[in-house]
Structures are given as structure tokens and as C-alpha cells.
Amino acid sequence: MCYQLVELYSACRCLYYQHAIDRCAAYGRPGHSIQNRTILVGYACHAHSSSHSTKGSRHYR
């Protein structure tokens, strides 16, 4: 089965990074699907973090 890993900020769920699809031998065949996997990273993106808070300024990778 093919997988695609997506990293989201844990507080706001905004996209942090979307990885390329990890393809299996059945990739591209009719009826084959891609399994999405999500991991939560950091706290909040720049747009959703408070300018007075230090939680949102840290980015983990």
C-alpha cells in the first residue's frame, strides 16, 4: 500500500509539510488507493501564534 505523510501544526492543524508519496508496487493500478498518515508537530503556525507567546515560535522537524 502507498503512503503519504502529512505534518500538521498541533494547535491550529495548518499544513507544516507534505511529503512525497511512498509508492508500492501497485501504484497507479485501477482501484489502488493512497493511505494518508498525519503527524502533529510544533504548536501553532506563524499566522495562528500569538506575538507574545514563545510556544508558536518553535518549529520541530
PDB file of N, CA and C in Angstrom:
ATOM      1  N   MET A   1       0.838  -1.183   0.000  1.00  0.00           N
ATOM      2  CA  MET A   1       0.000   0.000   0.000  1.00  0.00           C
ATOM      3  C   MET A   1       0.881   1.244   0.000  1.00  0.00           C
ATOM      4  N   CYS A   2       0.464   2.236  -0.733  1.00  0.00           N
ATOM      5  CA  CYS A   2       1.185   3.506  -0.808  1.00  0.00           C
ATOM      6  C   CYS A   2       0.809   4.388   0.380  1.00  0.00           C
ATOM      7  N   TYR A   3       1.772   5.152   0.848  1.00  0.00           N
ATOM      8  CA  TYR A   3       1.541   6.060   1.969  1.00  0.00           C
ATOM      9  C   TYR A   3       1.966   7.469   1.596  1.00  0.00           C
ATOM     10  N   GLN A   4       1.292   8.443   2.200  1.00  0.00           N
ATOM     11  CA  GLN A   4       1.733   9.831   2.099  1.00  0.00           C
ATOM     12  C   GLN A   4       1.669  10.429   3.496  1.00  0.00           C
ATOM     13  N   LEU A   5       2.793  10.934   3.945  1.00  0.00           N
ATOM     14  CA  LEU A   5       2.903  11.523   5.270  1.00  0.00           C
ATOM     15  C   LEU A   5       2.647  13.021   5.192  1.00  0.00           C
ATOM     16  N   VAL A   6       1.780  13.523   6.087  1.00  0.00           N
ATOM     17  CA  VAL A   6       1.454  14.941   6.153  1.00  0.00           C
ATOM     18  C   VAL A   6       1.717  15.405   7.584  1.00  0.00           C
ATOM     19  N   GLU A   7       2.478  16.485   7.730  1.00  0.00           N
ATOM     20  CA  GLU A   7       2.767  17.050   9.047  1.00  0.00           C
ATOM     21  C   GLU A   7       1.925  18.304   9.238  1.00  0.00           C
ATOM     22  N   LEU A   8       1.173  18.350  10.349  1.00  0.00           N
ATOM     23  CA  LEU A   8       0.315  19.486  10.668  1.00  0.00           C
ATOM     24  C   LEU A   8       0.719  20.071  12.009  1.00  0.00           C
ATOM     25  N   TYR A   9       0.542  21.378  12.156  1.00  0.00           N
ATOM     26  CA  TYR A   9       0.752  22.003  13.465  1.00  0.00           C
ATOM     27  C   TYR A   9      -0.323  21.489  14.416  1.00  0.00           C
ATOM     28  N   SER A  10       0.062  21.155  15.638  1.00  0.00           N
ATOM     29  CA  SER A  10      -0.865  20.518  16.567  1.00  0.00           C
ATOM     30  C   SER A  10      -2.001  21.419  17.034  1.00  0.00           C
ATOM     31  N   ALA A  11      -1.777  22.702  17.203  1.00  0.00           N
ATOM     32  CA  ALA A  11      -2.815  23.589  17.731  1.00  0.00           C
ATOM     33  C   ALA A  11      -3.817  24.033  16.672  1.00  0.00           C
ATOM     34  N   CYS A  12      -3.346  24.424  15.521  1.00  0.00           N
ATOM     35  CA  CYS A  12      -4.230  25.014  14.503  1.00  0.00           C
ATOM     36  C   CYS A  12      -4.509  24.079  13.330  1.00  0.00           C
ATOM     37  N   ARG A  13      -3.765  22.988  13.229  1.00  0.00           N
ATOM     38  CA  ARG A  13      -3.909  21.998  12.150  1.00  0.00           C
ATOM     39  C   ARG A  13      -3.578  22.546  10.764  1.00  0.00           C
ATOM     40  N   CYS A  14      -2.811  23.629  10.694  1.00  0.00           N
ATOM     41  CA  CYS A  14      -2.323  24.140   9.412  1.00  0.00           C
ATOM     42  C   CYS A  14      -1.213  23.212   8.908  1.00  0.00           C
ATOM     43  N   LEU A  15      -1.030  23.188   7.601  1.00  0.00           N
ATOM     44  CA  LEU A  15      -0.021  22.329   6.997  1.00  0.00           C
ATOM     45  C   LEU A  15       1.382  22.821   7.333  1.00  0.00           C
ATOM     46  N   TYR A  16       2.213  21.909   7.829  1.00  0.00           N
ATOM     47  CA  TYR A  16       3.621  22.196   8.077  1.00  0.00           C
ATOM     48  C   TYR A  16       4.453  21.672   6.909  1.00  0.00           C
ATOM     49  N   TYR A  17       4.222  20.398   6.517  1.00  0.00           N
ATOM     50  CA  TYR A  17       4.958  19.813   5.397  1.00  0.00           C
ATOM     51  C   TYR A  17       4.196  18.607   4.862  1.00  0.00           C
ATOM     52  N   GLN A  18       4.124  18.498   3.542  1.00  0.00           N
ATOM     53  CA  GLN A  18       3.503  17.346   2.901  1.00  0.00           C
ATOM     54  C   GLN A  18       4.586  16.587   2.141  1.00  0.00           C
ATOM     55  N   HIS A  19       4.829  15.355   2.556  1.00  0.00           N
ATOM     56  CA  HIS A  19       5.870  14.530   1.957  1.00  0.00           C
ATOM     57  C   HIS A  19       5.401  13.927   0.638  1.00  0.00           C
ATOM     58  N   ALA A  20       6.349  13.492  -0.163  1.00  0.00           N
ATOM     59  CA  ALA A  20       6.038  12.791  -1.408  1.00  0.00           C
ATOM     60  C   ALA A  20       5.395  11.441  -1.085  1.00  0.00           C
ATOM     61  N   ILE A  21       4.689  10.897  -2.039  1.00  0.00           N
ATOM     62  CA  ILE A  21       4.040   9.599  -1.855  1.00  0.00           C
ATOM     63  C   ILE A  21       5.101   8.504  -1.853  1.00  0.00           C
ATOM     64  N   ASP A  22       5.026   7.632  -0.840  1.00  0.00           N
ATOM     65  CA  ASP A  22       5.894   6.461  -0.771  1.00  0.00           C
ATOM     66  C   ASP A  22       5.174   5.358  -1.545  1.00  0.00           C
ATOM     67  N   ARG A  23       5.628   5.098  -2.756  1.00  0.00           N
ATOM     68  CA  ARG A  23       4.916   4.203  -3.672  1.00  0.00           C
ATOM     69  C   ARG A  23       5.226   2.732  -3.427  1.00  0.00           C
ATOM     70  N   CYS A  24       4.203   1.911  -3.618  1.00  0.00           N
ATOM     71  CA  CYS A  24       4.385   0.466  -3.574  1.00  0.00           C
ATOM     72  C   CYS A  24       4.318  -0.072  -5.003  1.00  0.00           C
ATOM     73  N   ALA A  25       4.431  -1.383  -5.166  1.00  0.00           N
ATOM     74  CA  ALA A  25       4.438  -1.998  -6.493  1.00  0.00           C
ATOM     75  C   ALA A  25       3.112  -1.815  -7.232  1.00  0.00           C
ATOM     76  N   ALA A  26       2.016  -1.617  -6.510  1.00  0.00           N
ATOM     77  CA  ALA A  26       0.692  -1.486  -7.132  1.00  0.00           C
ATOM     78  C   ALA A  26       0.338  -0.040  -7.475  1.00  0.00           C
ATOM     79  N   TYR A  27       1.257   0.890  -7.303  1.00  0.00           N
ATOM     80  CA  TYR A  27       0.975   2.304  -7.564  1.00  0.00           C
ATOM     81  C   TYR A  27       0.495   2.514  -8.999  1.00  0.00           C
ATOM     82  N   GLY A  28      -0.601   3.256  -9.150  1.00  0.00           N
ATOM     83  CA  GLY A  28      -1.130   3.592 -10.463  1.00  0.00           C
ATOM     84  C   GLY A  28      -2.100   2.587 -11.044  1.00  0.00           C
ATOM     85  N   ARG A  29      -2.289   1.462 -10.388  1.00  0.00           N
ATOM     86  CA  ARG A  29      -3.223   0.459 -10.887  1.00  0.00           C
ATOM     87  C   ARG A  29      -4.649   0.842 -10.506  1.00  0.00           C
ATOM     88  N   PRO A  30      -5.614   0.450 -11.329  1.00  0.00           N
ATOM     89  CA  PRO A  30      -7.020   0.757 -11.021  1.00  0.00           C
ATOM     90  C   PRO A  30      -7.437   0.198  -9.655  1.00  0.00           C
ATOM     91  N   GLY A  31      -8.135   1.010  -8.890  1.00  0.00           N
ATOM     92  CA  GLY A  31      -8.622   0.593  -7.579  1.00  0.00           C
ATOM     93  C   GLY A  31      -7.615   0.708  -6.452  1.00  0.00           C
ATOM     94  N   HIS A  32      -6.377   1.061  -6.765  1.00  0.00           N
ATOM     95  CA  HIS A  32      -5.354   1.193  -5.719  1.00  0.00           C
ATOM     96  C   HIS A  32      -5.449   2.580  -5.098  1.00  0.00           C
ATOM     97  N   SER A  33      -5.375   2.639  -3.792  1.00  0.00           N
ATOM     98  CA  SER A  33      -5.500   3.931  -3.114  1.00  0.00           C
ATOM     99  C   SER A  33      -4.221   4.286  -2.365  1.00  0.00           C
ATOM    100  N   ILE A  34      -4.160   5.528  -1.937  1.00  0.00           N
ATOM    101  CA  ILE A  34      -3.023   6.035  -1.166  1.00  0.00           C
ATOM    102  C   ILE A  34      -3.496   6.272   0.260  1.00  0.00           C
ATOM    103  N   GLN A  35      -2.796   5.701   1.219  1.00  0.00           N
ATOM    104  CA  GLN A  35      -3.127   5.855   2.632  1.00  0.00           C
ATOM    105  C   GLN A  35      -2.442   7.114   3.154  1.00  0.00           C
ATOM    106  N   ASN A  36      -3.218   8.064   3.648  1.00  0.00           N
ATOM    107  CA  ASN A  36      -2.651   9.288   4.222  1.00  0.00           C
ATOM    108  C   ASN A  36      -2.377   9.078   5.704  1.00  0.00           C
ATOM    109  N   ARG A  37      -1.206   9.488   6.132  1.00  0.00           N
ATOM    110  CA  ARG A  37      -0.810   9.418   7.547  1.00  0.00           C
ATOM    111  C   ARG A  37      -0.485  10.829   8.006  1.00  0.00           C
ATOM    112  N   THR A  38      -0.961  11.189   9.184  1.00  0.00           N
ATOM    113  CA  THR A  38      -0.769  12.542   9.706  1.00  0.00           C
ATOM    114  C   THR A  38      -0.001  12.496  11.013  1.00  0.00           C
ATOM    115  N   ILE A  39       0.985  13.381  11.139  1.00  0.00           N
ATOM    116  CA  ILE A  39       1.667  13.572  12.416  1.00  0.00           C
ATOM    117  C   ILE A  39       1.526  15.034  12.801  1.00  0.00           C
ATOM    118  N   LEU A  40       1.383  15.267  14.097  1.00  0.00           N
ATOM    119  CA  LEU A  40       1.267  16.625  14.617  1.00  0.00           C
ATOM    120  C   LEU A  40       2.635  17.083  15.090  1.00  0.00           C
ATOM    121  N   VAL A  41       3.011  18.303  14.695  1.00  0.00           N
ATOM    122  CA  VAL A  41       4.329  18.845  15.037  1.00  0.00           C
ATOM    123  C   VAL A  41       4.178  20.228  15.660  1.00  0.00           C
ATOM    124  N   GLY A  42       5.197  20.654  16.375  1.00  0.00           N
ATOM    125  CA  GLY A  42       5.227  22.010  16.922  1.00  0.00           C
ATOM    126  C   GLY A  42       3.989  22.349  17.720  1.00  0.00           C
ATOM    127  N   TYR A  43       3.574  23.592  17.642  1.00  0.00           N
ATOM    128  CA  TYR A  43       2.391  24.034  18.365  1.00  0.00           C
ATOM    129  C   TYR A  43       1.427  24.718  17.409  1.00  0.00           C
ATOM    130  N   ALA A  44       1.743  25.932  16.962  1.00  0.00           N
ATOM    131  CA  ALA A  44       0.874  26.674  16.044  1.00  0.00           C
ATOM    132  C   ALA A  44       1.733  27.350  14.980  1.00  0.00           C
ATOM    133  N   CYS A  45       1.145  27.536  13.813  1.00  0.00           N
ATOM    134  CA  CYS A  45       1.858  28.207  12.729  1.00  0.00           C
ATOM    135  C   CYS A  45       2.024  29.690  13.054  1.00  0.00           C
ATOM    136  N   HIS A  46       2.792  30.366  12.236  1.00  0.00           N
ATOM    137  CA  HIS A  46       3.055  31.784  12.456  1.00  0.00           C
ATOM    138  C   HIS A  46       1.761  32.607  12.444  1.00  0.00           C
ATOM    139  N   ALA A  47       0.846  32.268  11.565  1.00  0.00           N
ATOM    140  CA  ALA A  47      -0.406  33.025  11.448  1.00  0.00           C
ATOM    141  C   ALA A  47      -1.318  32.845  12.656  1.00  0.00           C
ATOM    142  N   HIS A  48      -1.205  31.713  13.352  1.00  0.00           N
ATOM    143  CA  HIS A  48      -2.091  31.440  14.479  1.00  0.00           C
ATOM    144  C   HIS A  48      -1.416  31.545  15.844  1.00  0.00           C
ATOM    145  N   SER A  49      -0.144  31.870  15.878  1.00  0.00           N
ATOM    146  CA  SER A  49       0.541  32.006  17.162  1.00  0.00           C
ATOM    147  C   SER A  49       0.485  33.457  17.620  1.00  0.00           C
ATOM    148  N   SER A  50       0.433  33.641  18.903  1.00  0.00           N
ATOM    149  CA  SER A  50       0.401  34.981  19.479  1.00  0.00           C
ATOM    150  C   SER A  50       1.801  35.578  19.435  1.00  0.00           C
ATOM    151  N   SER A  51       1.905  36.855  19.148  1.00  0.00           N
ATOM    152  CA  SER A  51       3.219  37.502  19.106  1.00  0.00           C
ATOM    153  C   SER A  51       3.830  37.611  20.496  1.00  0.00           C
ATOM    154  N   HIS A  52       3.026  37.412  21.531  1.00  0.00           N
ATOM    155  CA  HIS A  52       3.516  37.480  22.906  1.00  0.00           C
ATOM    156  C   HIS A  52       3.853  36.108  23.467  1.00  0.00           C
ATOM    157  N   SER A  53       3.595  35.071  22.691  1.00  0.00           N
ATOM    158  CA  SER A  53       3.828  33.715  23.161  1.00  0.00           C
ATOM    159  C   SER A  53       5.069  33.136  22.501  1.00  0.00           C
ATOM    160  N   THR A  54       5.832  32.328  23.239  1.00  0.00           N
ATOM    161  CA  THR A  54       7.000  31.673  22.661  1.00  0.00           C
ATOM    162  C   THR A  54       6.654  30.282  22.162  1.00  0.00           C
ATOM    163  N   LYS A  55       5.480  29.746  22.492  1.00  0.00           N
ATOM    164  CA  LYS A  55       5.111  28.402  22.070  1.00  0.00           C
ATOM    165  C   LYS A  55       5.065  28.280  20.554  1.00  0.00           C
ATOM    166  N   GLY A  56       4.491  29.248  19.874  1.00  0.00           N
ATOM    167  CA  GLY A  56       4.317  29.171  18.431  1.00  0.00           C
ATOM    168  C   GLY A  56       5.568  29.453  17.635  1.00  0.00           C
ATOM    169  N   SER A  57       6.612  29.920  18.271  1.00  0.00           N
ATOM    170  CA  SER A  57       7.809  30.286  17.518  1.00  0.00           C
ATOM    171  C   SER A  57       8.762  29.112  17.325  1.00  0.00           C
ATOM    172  N   ARG A  58       8.495  27.995  17.949  1.00  0.00           N
ATOM    173  CA  ARG A  58       9.378  26.840  17.819  1.00  0.00           C
ATOM    174  C   ARG A  58       8.873  25.931  16.710  1.00  0.00           C
ATOM    175  N   HIS A  59       9.780  25.510  15.845  1.00  0.00           N
ATOM    176  CA  HIS A  59       9.444  24.597  14.760  1.00  0.00           C
ATOM    177  C   HIS A  59      10.241  23.322  14.958  1.00  0.00           C
ATOM    178  N   TYR A  60       9.568  22.193  15.006  1.00  0.00           N
ATOM    179  CA  TYR A  60      10.233  20.915  15.204  1.00  0.00           C
ATOM    180  C   TYR A  60      10.226  20.141  13.909  1.00  0.00           C
ATOM    181  N   ARG A  61      11.303  19.473  13.652  1.00  0.00           N
ATOM    182  CA  ARG A  61      11.404  18.634  12.454  1.00  0.00           C
ATOM    183  C   ARG A  61      12.035  17.335  12.757  1.00  0.00           C
TER     184      ARG A  61
END
